[in-house]
Amino acid sequence: MDAFAVAVCIGLTMKRITLKKSLIVGVYFGIFQAGMPLIGYVLGMQFADTIVAFDHWVAFALLGFIGGKMVVESFKQEGCPDRECPAETCLDRECPGGERPHAQEASLKLAPMLPLALATSIDALAMGVPFAFLKVDIIPAVLFIGITTLVLSTAGVKIGNVFGTRFKGKAELAGGIILVVMGVKILLEHMGIMTIG
């Protein structure tokens, strides 16, 4: 959802989008969102045996923190990071003062995209740790995460270009709630309050 929200912002700055441009954004985010949990999983496997008695609490805390953070951020009305004035630095096509002569589209080159992909995937690194505790089959899991992120980010560029930022908060809110619910479910299942299924 973080990657989708950023993709929406990227789409907002573009005057004309193509499938190639959208896919470039999707590939950047998809690779990082798949790679980070894999790294977290490998790190988690190194010490999983020593804290197996606390694994459900670790998973609950990480999912609750990440999800709670997303829920809180969904209520912030910050908009895209390029919507600030002064006017000459605003990249938004819909900037209130009209079109800016110095405005330019978001660059899809490595230098600007790498920090965005990294920033939106840091939380995914933490997600990989409980995957190790829960004995998740990691390869199908990260492939699913990567492909889902690629599809959502590719769509996010188009959505941002057409509809602007109105869906950004809703996407983060939905994603945050899902993560919190997953964390609570893991905790309840481990405590025997809820059956797995």
Protein backbone atom coordinates (compact mmCIF):
# COMPACT_ATOMS: atom_id res chain seq x y z
CA MET A 1 0.00 0.00 0.00
CA ASP A 2 2.92 2.35 0.64
CA ALA A 3 4.29 1.58 -2.81
CA PHE A 4 0.84 2.07 -4.32
CA ALA A 5 0.51 5.46 -2.61
CA VAL A 6 3.89 6.61 -3.95
CA ALA A 7 2.99 5.30 -7.42
CA VAL A 8 -0.18 7.41 -7.28
CA CYS A 9 1.97 10.46 -6.54
CA ILE A 10 4.31 9.62 -9.43
CA GLY A 11 1.32 9.30 -11.77
CA LEU A 12 0.01 12.64 -10.58
CA THR A 13 3.10 14.43 -11.91
CA MET A 14 3.00 12.84 -15.35
CA LYS A 15 1.30 14.65 -18.21
CA ARG A 16 1.25 11.50 -20.32
CA ILE A 17 1.77 7.96 -19.13
CA THR A 18 2.49 4.78 -21.04
CA LEU A 19 2.39 1.13 -20.02
CA LYS A 20 6.20 1.11 -20.13
CA LYS A 21 6.47 3.99 -17.63
CA SER A 22 3.92 2.37 -15.32
CA LEU A 23 5.73 -0.98 -15.48
CA ILE A 24 9.08 0.65 -14.68
CA VAL A 25 7.58 1.98 -11.43
CA GLY A 26 5.98 -1.41 -10.73
CA VAL A 27 9.23 -3.31 -11.28
CA TYR A 28 11.21 -1.01 -8.96
CA PHE A 29 8.71 -1.40 -6.13
CA GLY A 30 8.01 -5.09 -6.81
CA ILE A 31 11.69 -6.09 -6.63
CA PHE A 32 12.28 -4.23 -3.37
CA GLN A 33 9.04 -5.37 -1.74
CA ALA A 34 9.96 -8.99 -2.57
CA GLY A 35 13.64 -8.69 -1.64
CA MET A 36 13.24 -7.04 1.76
CA PRO A 37 11.11 -9.77 3.40
CA LEU A 38 13.54 -12.34 2.02
CA ILE A 39 16.41 -10.53 3.79
CA GLY A 40 14.32 -10.30 6.97
CA TYR A 41 13.52 -14.00 6.73
CA VAL A 42 17.20 -14.95 6.43
CA LEU A 43 18.07 -12.74 9.41
CA GLY A 44 15.15 -14.16 11.41
CA MET A 45 16.23 -17.74 10.73
CA GLN A 46 19.58 -17.00 12.40
CA PHE A 47 17.95 -16.48 15.80
CA ALA A 48 14.51 -18.09 15.41
CA ASP A 49 15.35 -21.06 17.66
CA THR A 50 16.45 -18.86 20.55
CA ILE A 51 13.21 -16.87 20.77
CA VAL A 52 10.68 -19.43 19.54
CA ALA A 53 8.70 -18.99 22.77
CA PHE A 54 8.15 -15.33 21.92
CA ASP A 55 7.64 -15.57 18.15
CA HIS A 56 3.90 -14.83 18.27
CA TRP A 57 4.53 -11.70 20.35
CA VAL A 58 7.23 -10.56 17.91
CA ALA A 59 4.90 -11.10 14.94
CA PHE A 60 2.04 -9.35 16.74
CA ALA A 61 4.24 -6.38 17.71
CA LEU A 62 5.75 -5.95 14.24
CA LEU A 63 2.46 -6.29 12.38
CA GLY A 64 0.66 -4.09 14.90
CA PHE A 65 3.33 -1.39 14.69
CA ILE A 66 3.54 -1.38 10.90
CA GLY A 67 -0.25 -1.54 10.49
CA GLY A 68 -0.88 1.08 13.17
CA LYS A 69 1.64 3.40 11.52
CA MET A 70 -0.12 3.01 8.19
CA VAL A 71 -3.53 3.72 9.77
CA VAL A 72 -2.23 6.89 11.46
CA GLU A 73 -0.54 8.08 8.26
CA SER A 74 -3.74 7.50 6.27
CA PHE A 75 -5.39 10.32 8.23
CA LYS A 76 -2.62 12.83 7.53
CA GLN A 77 -3.48 15.30 4.79
CA GLU A 78 0.04 15.75 3.49
CA GLY A 79 -0.56 15.00 -0.17
CA CYS A 80 2.32 14.14 -2.45
CA PRO A 81 5.80 15.35 -1.50
CA ASP A 82 6.07 17.45 -4.67
CA ARG A 83 2.94 19.52 -3.99
CA GLU A 84 4.76 22.20 -2.04
CA CYS A 85 5.12 25.78 -3.15
CA PRO A 86 7.00 27.93 -4.17
CA ALA A 87 5.41 27.40 -7.52
CA GLU A 88 8.58 26.80 -9.51
CA THR A 89 9.36 23.64 -7.51
CA CYS A 90 5.84 22.20 -7.72
CA LEU A 91 5.56 19.19 -10.03
CA ASP A 92 1.81 18.73 -9.61
CA ARG A 93 -0.17 19.15 -12.84
CA GLU A 94 -3.03 20.48 -10.72
CA CYS A 95 -0.99 23.04 -8.75
CA PRO A 96 -3.43 25.83 -7.70
CA GLY A 97 -1.44 28.60 -9.40
CA GLY A 98 -1.66 27.01 -12.84
CA GLU A 99 1.00 25.26 -14.92
CA ARG A 100 4.59 25.98 -13.92
CA PRO A 101 7.16 26.60 -16.65
CA HIS A 102 9.89 24.85 -14.64
CA ALA A 103 7.74 21.89 -13.60
CA GLN A 104 8.90 18.48 -14.79
CA GLU A 105 7.64 14.95 -14.60
CA ALA A 106 8.91 12.57 -11.96
CA SER A 107 12.08 10.90 -13.21
CA LEU A 108 12.03 7.11 -13.54
CA LYS A 109 15.83 6.83 -13.54
CA LEU A 110 17.72 4.85 -10.89
CA ALA A 111 18.89 7.79 -8.76
CA PRO A 112 15.43 9.16 -7.84
CA MET A 113 13.59 5.81 -7.89
CA LEU A 114 16.02 3.85 -5.70
CA PRO A 115 15.37 5.89 -2.51
CA LEU A 116 11.60 5.70 -3.10
CA ALA A 117 11.70 1.91 -3.57
CA LEU A 118 13.93 1.51 -0.52
CA ALA A 119 11.84 3.82 1.68
CA THR A 120 8.58 2.05 0.84
CA SER A 121 10.06 -1.41 1.45
CA ILE A 122 11.81 -0.94 4.81
CA ASP A 123 8.68 -2.15 6.61
CA ALA A 124 8.77 -5.27 4.44
CA LEU A 125 12.19 -6.08 5.90
CA ALA A 126 10.59 -6.27 9.35
CA MET A 127 7.80 -8.46 7.92
CA GLY A 128 10.33 -11.10 6.92
CA VAL A 129 11.33 -11.74 10.54
CA PRO A 130 7.97 -13.20 11.64
CA PHE A 131 7.91 -15.20 8.41
CA ALA A 132 10.95 -17.08 9.75
CA PHE A 133 9.24 -17.75 13.10
CA LEU A 134 6.05 -18.93 11.42
CA LYS A 135 7.97 -21.29 9.07
CA VAL A 136 6.49 -19.61 6.00
CA ASP A 137 7.46 -21.10 2.63
CA ILE A 138 9.42 -17.98 1.75
CA ILE A 139 9.94 -18.26 -2.04
CA PRO A 140 6.23 -18.42 -2.98
CA ALA A 141 5.52 -15.75 -0.35
CA VAL A 142 8.03 -13.21 -1.68
CA LEU A 143 7.04 -13.94 -5.28
CA PHE A 144 3.42 -13.26 -4.37
CA ILE A 145 4.39 -10.04 -2.56
CA GLY A 146 6.55 -8.88 -5.47
CA ILE A 147 3.97 -9.62 -8.17
CA THR A 148 1.15 -8.05 -6.13
CA THR A 149 3.23 -4.92 -5.56
CA LEU A 150 4.17 -4.75 -9.23
CA VAL A 151 0.51 -4.92 -10.29
CA LEU A 152 -0.71 -2.43 -7.67
CA SER A 153 2.11 0.04 -8.34
CA THR A 154 1.62 -0.16 -12.09
CA ALA A 155 -2.08 0.52 -11.58
CA GLY A 156 -1.27 3.26 -9.05
CA VAL A 157 0.61 5.29 -11.68
CA LYS A 158 -2.48 5.25 -13.92
CA ILE A 159 -4.85 5.96 -11.03
CA GLY A 160 -2.69 8.88 -9.89
CA ASN A 161 -2.59 10.28 -13.40
CA VAL A 162 -6.37 10.06 -13.79
CA PHE A 163 -7.78 10.62 -10.32
CA GLY A 164 -5.04 12.33 -8.30
CA THR A 165 -4.43 11.56 -4.64
CA ARG A 166 -7.91 10.94 -3.30
CA PHE A 167 -7.30 7.16 -2.96
CA LYS A 168 -3.92 7.45 -1.21
CA GLY A 169 -5.32 7.67 2.33
CA LYS A 170 -7.89 4.93 1.73
CA ALA A 171 -5.21 2.54 0.44
CA GLU A 172 -2.98 3.12 3.47
CA LEU A 173 -5.93 2.78 5.86
CA ALA A 174 -7.04 -0.53 4.33
CA GLY A 175 -3.50 -1.91 4.31
CA GLY A 176 -2.90 -0.87 7.92
CA ILE A 177 -6.11 -2.46 9.17
CA ILE A 178 -5.30 -5.71 7.36
CA LEU A 179 -1.84 -5.90 8.97
CA VAL A 180 -3.21 -5.20 12.47
CA VAL A 181 -5.89 -7.88 12.02
CA MET A 182 -3.23 -10.35 10.84
CA GLY A 183 -1.14 -9.62 13.93
CA VAL A 184 -4.09 -10.12 16.28
CA LYS A 185 -5.04 -13.35 14.48
CA ILE A 186 -1.51 -14.77 14.90
CA LEU A 187 -1.52 -13.91 18.60
CA LEU A 188 -4.98 -15.41 19.21
CA GLU A 189 -4.13 -18.60 17.28
CA HIS A 190 -0.95 -19.12 19.29
CA MET A 191 -2.81 -18.59 22.56
CA GLY A 192 -5.41 -21.18 21.47
CA ILE A 193 -8.26 -18.66 21.46
CA MET A 194 -8.77 -18.92 17.72
CA THR A 195 -8.38 -21.93 15.45
CA ILE A 196 -6.16 -21.72 12.36
CA GLY A 197 -8.03 -21.69 9.09
